[in-house]
Every structure is written in C-alpha cells, then in structure tokens.
C-alpha cells in the first residue's frame, strides 16, 4: 500500500489587487514574526474569492497562523507524547480527570476520588498505566461500553464518536453552513467535483465537534466498504465554535483525512479534521498514514494544487476495507471534528438537534420505511 502525490505546487500566488496595501503590511509583519522564530513565510497569505465571496482575508489568516501554526501544533503534539515518570502520572492525570476529562452528567457533584475511580472503571486501566498525556487523550474504552444502536438496521446511521452536534441538514448547493453565518464548500472539503455527488439520491451532512474531554476514537457509523482514503494537507487551526463562526472554509483550510466509502444507500464520506495539537490522525486501515508533516505544500493556498496523498489498496488490512457498524476506524489527539457527508433517499430524517451531546453509537438519523 503506497501513497502517491496527485499534484504538487511550485509557487504560491499573492493577490496583489485591491488588497495590495494589506498584503504589503502583512509582508512586513510576517518578516518580523519570522525573526522571532515562528516560521511564518510571507508566501503563506491568501484570499479566497473576491468581494462578498472572500472566504478569508490576509490579516485573518496571518493572525491565526501566528497563533496556531503547524510548527506549534507539532511541538504541542511532541509535548503531549513525552513519557512521564510513574510517580507523577497519577497526580497529573488525576488533575486532568478531575477538572477536564469527565462527563458532567455522570460525575456532577462527585469527589475527585470518585471521578478517578469511575474513569478507571470505564476505561479498564489505572491512571498509572498511561505513559503520556497524549496516550491518556487517545484512551480506549471497554468493549462492553461500546454500544451501537441499530446494528441490524441498514437504514440507520449512528454517531461515529462522542461529541456535540454543530450543524446538520440536506445539501442543496456546494456551500453549507459551518457555524452560524460562516460556510464551507463541500467540493473543497472533499476535493471532489460537486456535480458527481448529486445524482438520483439526496445529499446530507452532519458536523460533530469533539472536545478534549471526549473519547478520541471514531468508529464506523454504518456497515461500509472503504473505496479510498485521501490525506489532504492544510493548517491545524482550532475548530471550536469561536473560530469556526468567524473563519469561512475552516474545514477546507485545515489538514484532514477523507474516507470515501459506500453504505446501504450510496456514497458516504467520513472526514476527520485536524485541529491544533492534533499532530497525528491514525487510521487502522492505513497504518503508514502520517499527518502534519514538514515539507507538505498547503493545499488551500494554491487553488487545490498542494499535497494530496491517496490510498486505495486495503488488501493487507484484516478486513480489507470492509467495516461493520461500530468497528473502530481511527483516532486523533485532543479535540477535533468529524463530518459525515452521505447520500440517502429523500425521506432520510435526522433524529438529533443542534447542540445535542451525542453518545458513541447513538442513532443520529435513518431512512423512513
């Protein structure tokens, strides 16, 4: 199973038109920041579209890159994966469990010791057994606690992860709601021609945000057959609502892994979005996948001519790319986002609400019979 580059860029193009003044100001600022060691190149400035169609402006992308650049994300990822001395683990991990990694509904009002005890029982491991903070974040849970609804119902889709529903709905045009008034383009997210997604079936999507306290592994939302996997280079900006509501096309700007599969009613794309500190997205069907690597051209900067690596040979995998609903697909560190884009009959209905906290395996929608 070997990756190949679809296309590499050679030059970045700066928008020297009505934005020339702002671009020049940013060029000076970026040079100053580079001296401070933040490694932001003046060539990494971009404007999507013009006028009302502009996805981001020079100053906005510069601001977020200066705070959440890829090198800082890699550094944070390395910090999280430093092995801690055994005597310190229970103190540090206990603090995280007590203050961040607990379910408010299950642990509300409980003491620190009770929270830790329930946490250890659910994950079948003592806190001392985790070697690093990163290992704690990507923890597994007991198989008996992985309960997917609708296992015998091929018309239903279950939540592939724990998290909170951000947006969902039917897709009528290439532009979808990201958060509130911000939008993203489906074609840019998937690197697919939008026309090829619209046929006799309707197209739907749901966006699920995983906070740092959520279980960080994602599973198959239905019985699927994986056709190919795309690793698309990009930034590692945070994906929480505060930024997602201000930055159009955030999901297309960020690095991501797109699983192209088929379920009972047509195409299903499962998109794992990288976020700040998510330096390593893992897929069990693509063991050599490596994200947020140095030297990758940023896809969104060059009119989609950056780095895309595609995997399509799954013969060496145990299941050869065929997953039953509930089987583990992959994992990532810290918080991030999973997006499902899928074809379904017109009578497909979502059974969730915006802002709803989802349990792993909870049915999020089904085709009415």
Protein backbone atom coordinates (compact mmCIF):
# COMPACT_ATOMS: atom_id res chain seq x y z
CA UNK A 1 0.00 0.00 0.00
CA UNK A 2 1.87 3.03 -1.16
CA UNK A 3 0.87 6.68 -1.39
CA UNK A 4 1.36 8.78 -4.46
CA UNK A 5 1.23 12.51 -4.99
CA UNK A 6 -1.63 13.59 -7.20
CA UNK A 7 -0.16 17.03 -7.78
CA UNK A 8 2.43 19.28 -6.20
CA UNK A 9 2.52 23.05 -6.35
CA UNK A 10 5.59 25.06 -7.26
CA UNK A 11 4.62 28.64 -6.46
CA UNK A 12 2.24 30.49 -4.22
CA UNK A 13 0.25 33.32 -5.79
CA UNK A 14 -0.34 36.52 -3.86
CA UNK A 15 -3.47 38.58 -4.55
CA UNK A 16 -1.95 41.93 -5.50
CA UNK A 17 -5.12 43.78 -6.48
CA UNK A 18 -7.39 45.74 -4.16
CA UNK A 19 -5.70 44.01 -1.24
CA UNK A 20 -2.21 45.15 -2.12
CA UNK A 21 -1.92 47.53 0.82
CA UNK A 22 -2.96 44.93 3.35
CA UNK A 23 -0.73 42.32 1.72
CA UNK A 24 2.28 44.63 1.95
CA UNK A 25 1.56 45.37 5.61
CA UNK A 26 1.29 41.67 6.33
CA UNK A 27 4.52 41.01 4.46
CA UNK A 28 6.38 43.29 6.87
CA UNK A 29 4.63 41.78 9.88
CA UNK A 30 5.38 38.26 8.73
CA UNK A 31 9.06 39.06 8.26
CA UNK A 32 9.18 40.36 11.83
CA UNK A 33 7.42 37.26 13.15
CA UNK A 34 9.84 35.03 11.27
CA UNK A 35 12.72 36.69 13.10
CA UNK A 36 11.04 35.68 16.34
CA UNK A 37 11.21 32.07 15.23
CA UNK A 38 7.56 31.46 14.42
CA UNK A 39 8.48 30.36 10.88
CA UNK A 40 5.64 32.05 9.00
CA UNK A 41 6.53 32.72 5.38
CA UNK A 42 5.31 35.83 3.59
CA UNK A 43 4.20 33.48 0.81
CA UNK A 44 1.56 31.98 3.06
CA UNK A 45 -1.00 34.74 2.52
CA UNK A 46 -4.23 34.02 0.69
CA UNK A 47 -7.63 35.44 -0.15
CA UNK A 48 -10.42 33.08 -1.25
CA UNK A 49 -12.54 34.76 -3.92
CA UNK A 50 -13.35 38.44 -4.16
CA UNK A 51 -15.81 40.78 -2.50
CA UNK A 52 -18.66 39.04 -0.71
CA UNK A 53 -17.29 35.65 -1.79
CA UNK A 54 -13.97 36.10 0.00
CA UNK A 55 -13.51 33.19 2.36
CA UNK A 56 -10.77 34.75 4.46
CA UNK A 57 -8.69 37.89 4.37
CA UNK A 58 -4.93 38.29 4.60
CA UNK A 59 -4.95 39.68 8.13
CA UNK A 60 -7.26 36.93 9.42
CA UNK A 61 -5.17 34.04 8.10
CA UNK A 62 -2.00 35.76 9.28
CA UNK A 63 -3.43 36.20 12.77
CA UNK A 64 -4.45 32.55 13.14
CA UNK A 65 -1.21 31.27 11.60
CA UNK A 66 0.82 33.37 14.03
CA UNK A 67 -1.03 31.80 16.97
CA UNK A 68 -1.70 28.27 15.73
CA UNK A 69 0.89 27.48 13.06
CA UNK A 70 1.75 23.93 12.06
CA UNK A 71 5.13 24.00 13.79
CA UNK A 72 3.48 24.99 17.09
CA UNK A 73 0.99 22.18 16.65
CA UNK A 74 3.79 19.67 16.06
CA UNK A 75 5.61 20.98 19.13
CA UNK A 76 2.49 20.65 21.26
CA UNK A 77 1.97 17.12 19.94
CA UNK A 78 5.51 16.17 20.95
CA UNK A 79 4.99 17.63 24.42
CA UNK A 80 1.82 15.62 24.89
CA UNK A 81 3.63 12.41 23.96
CA UNK A 82 6.54 12.76 26.38
CA UNK A 83 6.62 9.77 28.72
CA UNK A 84 6.05 10.86 32.32
CA UNK A 85 7.71 9.27 35.37
CA UNK A 86 5.37 6.77 37.02
CA UNK A 87 5.27 8.64 40.39
CA UNK A 88 3.94 11.78 38.62
CA UNK A 89 1.31 10.14 36.45
CA UNK A 90 -1.46 9.77 38.99
CA UNK A 91 -1.08 13.37 40.17
CA UNK A 92 -1.04 14.90 36.69
CA UNK A 93 -3.64 12.61 35.14
CA UNK A 94 -5.82 12.82 38.25
CA UNK A 95 -5.84 16.61 37.91
CA UNK A 96 -6.89 16.33 34.25
CA UNK A 97 -9.64 13.81 35.01
CA UNK A 98 -10.99 15.87 37.91
CA UNK A 99 -11.04 19.15 36.00
CA UNK A 100 -11.40 18.32 32.30
CA UNK A 101 -11.82 14.68 31.32
CA UNK A 102 -15.11 13.85 32.97
CA UNK A 103 -18.73 13.68 31.90
CA UNK A 104 -20.66 16.48 33.63
CA UNK A 105 -23.88 14.45 33.61
CA UNK A 106 -22.33 11.30 35.11
CA UNK A 107 -19.85 12.82 37.55
CA UNK A 108 -21.61 16.03 38.60
CA UNK A 109 -21.12 16.70 42.31
CA UNK A 110 -18.75 13.78 42.86
CA UNK A 111 -15.44 13.99 44.68
CA UNK A 112 -12.08 13.85 42.91
CA UNK A 113 -11.53 10.28 44.07
CA UNK A 114 -14.93 9.13 42.82
CA UNK A 115 -14.35 10.73 39.41
CA UNK A 116 -11.00 8.98 39.07
CA UNK A 117 -12.47 5.65 40.19
CA UNK A 118 -15.30 5.79 37.64
CA UNK A 119 -12.89 6.94 34.94
CA UNK A 120 -10.62 3.97 35.59
CA UNK A 121 -13.55 1.54 35.66
CA UNK A 122 -14.91 2.79 32.34
CA UNK A 123 -11.55 2.56 30.61
CA UNK A 124 -10.38 -0.64 32.37
CA UNK A 125 -6.97 0.92 33.07
CA UNK A 126 -5.42 2.64 36.06
CA UNK A 127 -4.12 6.17 35.56
CA UNK A 128 -0.60 4.90 36.18
CA UNK A 129 -0.76 2.74 33.05
CA UNK A 130 -0.89 5.74 30.67
CA UNK A 131 2.63 6.77 29.73
CA UNK A 132 1.86 10.28 28.46
CA UNK A 133 -0.88 12.89 28.30
CA UNK A 134 -1.35 12.03 24.63
CA UNK A 135 -1.91 8.37 25.50
CA UNK A 136 -4.49 9.43 28.08
CA UNK A 137 -6.35 11.52 25.49
CA UNK A 138 -6.42 8.67 22.95
CA UNK A 139 -7.52 6.10 25.52
CA UNK A 140 -9.73 3.20 24.55
CA UNK A 141 -12.83 2.16 26.47
CA UNK A 142 -14.07 -1.26 27.48
CA UNK A 143 -15.65 -3.15 24.58
CA UNK A 144 -18.74 -3.68 26.74
CA UNK A 145 -19.22 0.12 26.84
CA UNK A 146 -19.21 0.42 23.05
CA UNK A 147 -22.91 0.02 22.32
CA UNK A 148 -24.08 0.96 18.84
CA UNK A 149 -27.77 1.33 18.22
CA UNK A 150 -29.32 -0.03 15.05
CA UNK A 151 -26.76 -2.76 14.40
CA UNK A 152 -29.40 -4.74 12.48
CA UNK A 153 -30.86 -1.70 10.71
CA UNK A 154 -29.03 -0.91 7.44
CA UNK A 155 -31.18 2.22 7.03
CA UNK A 156 -29.82 3.95 10.14
CA UNK A 157 -26.64 5.93 10.76
CA UNK A 158 -25.10 6.04 14.23
CA UNK A 159 -22.76 8.62 15.71
CA UNK A 160 -19.16 7.60 14.92
CA UNK A 161 -17.87 9.36 18.03
CA UNK A 162 -18.68 11.16 21.23
CA UNK A 163 -19.21 14.86 20.72
CA UNK A 164 -21.65 17.68 20.19
CA UNK A 165 -23.77 18.29 17.09
CA UNK A 166 -22.70 21.55 15.43
CA UNK A 167 -24.72 21.52 12.20
CA UNK A 168 -26.64 19.08 10.02
CA UNK A 169 -29.06 19.08 7.13
CA UNK A 170 -29.65 18.34 3.49
CA UNK A 171 -27.14 19.69 0.96
CA UNK A 172 -28.66 21.58 -1.98
CA UNK A 173 -25.64 23.58 -3.20
CA UNK A 174 -21.87 23.39 -2.86
CA UNK A 175 -21.99 25.79 0.09
CA UNK A 176 -23.01 24.52 3.56
CA UNK A 177 -23.37 26.16 6.95
CA UNK A 178 -20.23 25.71 9.03
CA UNK A 179 -21.31 27.52 12.21
CA UNK A 180 -23.93 30.28 12.40
CA UNK A 181 -23.24 32.62 9.44
CA UNK A 182 -19.95 31.03 8.32
CA UNK A 183 -19.87 28.48 5.49
CA UNK A 184 -17.67 25.89 3.81
CA UNK A 185 -17.66 24.36 0.33
CA UNK A 186 -18.32 20.64 0.08
CA UNK A 187 -16.22 20.27 -3.08
CA UNK A 188 -13.19 21.86 -1.40
CA UNK A 189 -13.65 19.82 1.75
CA UNK A 190 -13.75 16.51 -0.13
CA UNK A 191 -11.61 17.51 -3.14
CA UNK A 192 -14.39 16.12 -5.32
CA UNK A 193 -16.45 17.63 -8.12
CA UNK A 194 -19.73 18.68 -6.53
CA UNK A 195 -21.71 17.59 -9.57
CA UNK A 196 -20.53 14.00 -9.09
CA UNK A 197 -22.12 13.94 -5.63
CA UNK A 198 -25.58 14.90 -6.81
CA UNK A 199 -27.45 12.14 -8.62
CA UNK A 200 -30.76 10.40 -8.00
CA UNK A 201 -30.10 10.40 -4.25
CA UNK A 202 -30.23 13.35 -1.89
CA UNK A 203 -27.09 14.52 -0.10
CA UNK A 204 -26.85 15.15 3.65
CA UNK A 205 -24.20 16.17 6.18
CA UNK A 206 -23.64 16.35 9.92
CA UNK A 207 -20.78 18.02 11.80
CA UNK A 208 -19.77 16.70 15.24
CA UNK A 209 -17.28 18.55 17.46
CA UNK A 210 -15.17 16.56 19.92
CA UNK A 211 -13.92 18.48 22.94
CA UNK A 212 -10.71 17.45 24.75
CA UNK A 213 -12.81 15.59 27.35
CA UNK A 214 -14.50 13.34 24.77
CA UNK A 215 -13.45 9.83 23.75
CA UNK A 216 -10.99 10.43 20.90
CA UNK A 217 -11.54 7.38 18.74
CA UNK A 218 -14.02 7.20 15.90
CA UNK A 219 -15.94 4.20 14.62
CA UNK A 220 -17.87 3.19 11.53
CA UNK A 221 -21.32 4.85 11.57
CA UNK A 222 -22.79 2.10 9.38
CA UNK A 223 -21.75 -1.03 7.51
CA UNK A 224 -19.34 0.44 4.95
CA UNK A 225 -16.91 -0.53 2.23
CA UNK A 226 -13.96 1.87 2.00
CA UNK A 227 -13.06 2.77 -1.59
CA UNK A 228 -10.14 5.11 -0.93
CA UNK A 229 -8.65 7.47 1.63
CA UNK A 230 -7.33 10.97 0.91
CA UNK A 231 -4.88 12.78 3.15
CA UNK A 232 -5.20 16.49 2.30
CA UNK A 233 -2.58 18.89 3.64
CA UNK A 234 -3.58 22.06 5.48
CA UNK A 235 -3.40 24.09 8.66
CA UNK A 236 -4.01 22.92 12.22
CA UNK A 237 -6.25 25.75 13.43
CA UNK A 238 -8.56 25.10 16.40
CA UNK A 239 -12.06 24.06 15.31
CA UNK A 240 -14.18 25.20 18.25
CA UNK A 241 -17.18 27.45 17.61
CA UNK A 242 -15.41 30.73 18.41
CA UNK A 243 -13.11 30.32 15.41
CA UNK A 244 -15.39 28.25 13.17
CA UNK A 245 -18.03 31.00 13.30
CA UNK A 246 -15.55 33.65 12.10
CA UNK A 247 -13.45 31.83 9.50
CA UNK A 248 -15.19 30.64 6.34
CA UNK A 249 -13.92 27.37 4.87
CA UNK A 250 -12.12 26.45 8.10
CA UNK A 251 -12.71 22.75 7.45
CA UNK A 252 -11.22 23.10 3.96
CA UNK A 253 -8.25 25.09 5.27
CA UNK A 254 -7.34 22.55 7.95
CA UNK A 255 -5.50 19.31 7.32
CA UNK A 256 -7.87 16.37 7.07
CA UNK A 257 -8.32 12.73 6.20
CA UNK A 258 -11.26 11.89 3.92
CA UNK A 259 -12.57 8.31 3.94
CA UNK A 260 -14.53 7.65 0.76
CA UNK A 261 -16.85 4.70 1.34
CA UNK A 262 -20.21 3.25 0.40
CA UNK A 263 -23.08 2.34 2.68
CA UNK A 264 -26.54 0.87 2.04
CA UNK A 265 -27.81 3.95 0.16
CA UNK A 266 -24.79 5.25 -1.73
CA UNK A 267 -21.66 7.26 -1.06
CA UNK A 268 -20.55 8.11 2.47
CA UNK A 269 -17.58 10.35 3.26
CA UNK A 270 -16.16 10.28 6.78
CA UNK A 271 -13.90 13.30 7.29
CA UNK A 272 -11.53 13.60 10.26
CA UNK A 273 -10.47 17.25 10.63
CA UNK A 274 -7.10 18.00 12.22
CA UNK A 275 -7.03 20.72 14.87
CA UNK A 276 -4.35 22.45 16.90
CA UNK A 277 -2.32 19.84 18.77
CA UNK A 278 -3.83 17.04 16.67
CA UNK A 279 -0.44 16.20 15.22
CA UNK A 280 -1.29 12.61 14.41
CA UNK A 281 -4.52 11.28 12.92
CA UNK A 282 -4.37 7.49 12.72
CA UNK A 283 -6.42 5.17 10.53
CA UNK A 284 -6.19 1.48 11.25
CA UNK A 285 -6.72 0.60 7.57
CA UNK A 286 -3.80 2.87 6.54
CA UNK A 287 -1.02 2.17 9.09
CA UNK A 288 1.57 4.29 7.25
CA UNK A 289 -0.58 7.44 7.23
CA UNK A 290 1.32 10.42 8.68
CA UNK A 291 -0.30 13.83 9.14
CA UNK A 292 1.10 17.32 9.83
CA UNK A 293 4.49 16.52 8.34
CA UNK A 294 7.17 19.04 7.40
CA UNK A 295 7.53 19.81 3.72
CA UNK A 296 3.89 19.30 2.76
CA UNK A 297 2.60 22.06 0.47
CA UNK A 298 -0.56 23.56 1.94
CA UNK A 299 -3.41 22.55 -0.33
CA UNK A 300 -5.74 25.50 0.25
CA UNK A 301 -3.09 28.12 -0.62
CA UNK A 302 -2.60 27.13 -4.21
CA UNK A 303 -6.03 26.60 -5.68
CA UNK A 304 -6.12 22.96 -4.55
CA UNK A 305 -2.74 22.14 -6.10
CA UNK A 306 -0.99 21.29 -2.86
CA UNK A 307 -0.26 17.95 -1.28
CA UNK A 308 -2.84 15.17 -1.55
CA UNK A 309 -1.90 11.58 -0.82
CA UNK A 310 -4.38 8.91 -1.82
CA UNK A 311 -4.57 5.34 -0.53
CA UNK A 312 -6.69 2.75 -2.31
CA UNK A 313 -5.15 -0.67 -1.58
CA UNK A 314 -6.58 -2.27 1.56
CA UNK A 315 -5.78 -5.93 0.76
CA UNK A 316 -3.18 -6.07 3.54
CA UNK A 317 -5.76 -4.97 6.13
CA UNK A 318 -7.53 -7.57 8.24
CA UNK A 319 -10.96 -6.59 6.92
CA UNK A 320 -9.72 -5.33 3.52
CA UNK A 321 -11.61 -2.06 3.93
CA UNK A 322 -14.96 -3.56 4.92
CA UNK A 323 -16.23 -2.31 8.28
CA UNK A 324 -19.32 -3.27 10.22
CA UNK A 325 -21.19 -0.57 12.11
CA UNK A 326 -19.34 0.15 15.36
CA UNK A 327 -15.91 -1.12 14.31
CA UNK A 328 -13.03 1.19 15.17
CA UNK A 329 -11.73 3.30 12.27
CA UNK A 330 -9.11 5.55 13.85
CA UNK A 331 -8.19 8.15 16.45
CA UNK A 332 -6.72 11.60 16.98
CA UNK A 333 -5.33 13.67 19.84
CA UNK A 334 -7.08 16.45 21.79
CA UNK A 335 -10.35 17.80 20.39
CA UNK A 336 -11.31 17.85 16.75
CA UNK A 337 -14.23 17.41 14.36
CA UNK A 338 -15.83 14.57 12.42
CA UNK A 339 -18.02 15.39 9.41
CA UNK A 340 -20.24 12.87 7.63
CA UNK A 341 -21.32 13.66 4.05
CA UNK A 342 -23.56 10.95 2.62
CA UNK A 343 -26.13 10.08 0.01
CA UNK A 344 -29.54 8.85 1.15
CA UNK A 345 -33.14 8.72 -0.07
CA UNK A 346 -35.17 11.90 0.21
CA UNK A 347 -37.04 10.57 3.24
CA UNK A 348 -33.90 10.34 5.39
CA UNK A 349 -34.59 12.10 8.70
CA UNK A 350 -32.16 13.28 11.37
CA UNK A 351 -33.08 12.39 14.95
CA UNK A 352 -30.74 14.86 16.70
CA UNK A 353 -30.73 18.59 17.47
CA UNK A 354 -28.05 21.25 17.10
CA UNK A 355 -26.02 21.48 20.29
CA UNK A 356 -27.03 17.99 21.42
CA UNK A 357 -24.37 15.96 23.23
CA UNK A 358 -24.00 12.65 21.44
CA UNK A 359 -23.05 9.30 22.85
CA UNK A 360 -20.89 6.98 20.79
CA UNK A 361 -23.19 4.76 18.73
CA UNK A 362 -26.34 6.82 19.24
CA UNK A 363 -28.58 6.83 16.15
CA UNK A 364 -28.43 10.26 14.50
CA UNK A 365 -30.82 9.58 11.64
CA UNK A 366 -32.46 6.95 9.47
CA UNK A 367 -34.33 6.33 6.28
CA UNK A 368 -38.07 6.13 6.88
CA UNK A 369 -39.70 2.91 5.73
